[in-house]
């Protein structure tokens, strides 16, 4: 009984764990969105699900081709996938520590002992053959140390996989925004080229009027200055368009090919975003789930550090056959075994174990703060997008109304100038303000579409509830 009592006590405590019970921290964000971010009473309703496939959210075939190419060729995404494979392998290594390692070993040992060293006074020549199954240094995980390391490895793997999901969503949104940016510069350049042509015609007309005495040199200089400004604007927009193409190519990871001459005013470029957005949607974002898995891993590491204070029982065993000669290995009576249990009790390590616990606790506190920070950033991102969707919609309506007024004004001023009623300066002002209104309307329309594209990332996309084990 005295010999078996310690072993019985150890097995009775085998279910003990020194890992703190994990509790998700309270979200340090308001339960509702800011008032100015709401669209209406429906904002308190339950959120409508996003499309299950990104193609349904981005229905334009040209954009779909670009996103598909980016998901295949983008180098940063390949790195993220590699990180997941790395974390999966590390989790497998940690899990393997919970199970014994059994090796098949075969060896021959030979020795020669000189006569003056042997007990018989004669030279001794000995040899031995062994074949056995060996269990090498298997730790009995009574205190849950190895299990805690396994839990931490699995949580780190899940965090890496959720980080890959978050990057994938970000890549989809970035490609959509880059494409919208390219469309904007294409349309703005087309408007600038049309304006350049119009101002060239106006300059020619003013030159003819000057030749017959109906206009002075000042009018012609004003017309020529407006023409040169339009030329400069075309060159500037061409440079910006080239930069936008290069940015899109970097995201796609290969030459994007023809992106088409689409229009931002084309209906159905991006699917509508649901109105009802409870703050619980934050917990479905992959970046939030990645931060939580890192917190779970840090919590598990505390248990592993605490268990290091307790005795460690390690088993080493071998079962097989042994003989002096190779031919006698498997004869009767050649069986051999060894069993070497070892108990290691830490007595003095200069505070290393205590410092490891402090280190694990500090890392958990850091993980809690990082998790809360990710939640706060996610809340702000969605709140900003909600406010932008509302305000940009109103701004676009005002810009389009103002553009319609500028178009009508230019028609009237142009007719009055041809009739000799209005001055050329008045015509030039009308042209400038119409061009500025056109450019502003395009910029606001692109911002509104970019807001919708960013919602796909902010709301977690169609991957929000996809667990890593499901893939």
Foldseek 3Di string as FASTA:
>chain_A
DVVCVVVVVLQVLLPAFPFDDDDADDFPDDQAFDPLLADDPCQQPDFDDDDLDVCLQQVDPLLVLLLVLLCVAAPVLVVLVVVLVVLVVQLVVLVCLQDWDKDWDKDKDWDWDPLVPDPVSHIDTFMKIWTWIKTPWRWSNSHCLSVLSSLLSVLLSQLSVLVSLLVSLVLSLVLLLLLLQLLLLLVLLVLLVVLLVVLVVVLVVQVVCVVVPNHDPVLNVVSVVSNVVSVVVNVVSVVVSVVSLVVSCNSSNHRSPDSDNDHLPDPPSGDDGTNHDGLVLLCLASNLSSLVSNLSSLSSQLRNLVCVQAKIKIKIKIWAFMDRDPVCGPPPPRTDMDIDIDIDHDDDDPCPSVVSNVVSVVSSVVSSVVSSVSSVVLSVLSSVLSSLLVVLVVVLVVLVVVLVVLVVVLVVQVVCVVVVNDDSVSNSVSSVVNSVSVSVSSVSSSVNVSSSSVVCSSSNHSCSPPGPVVD
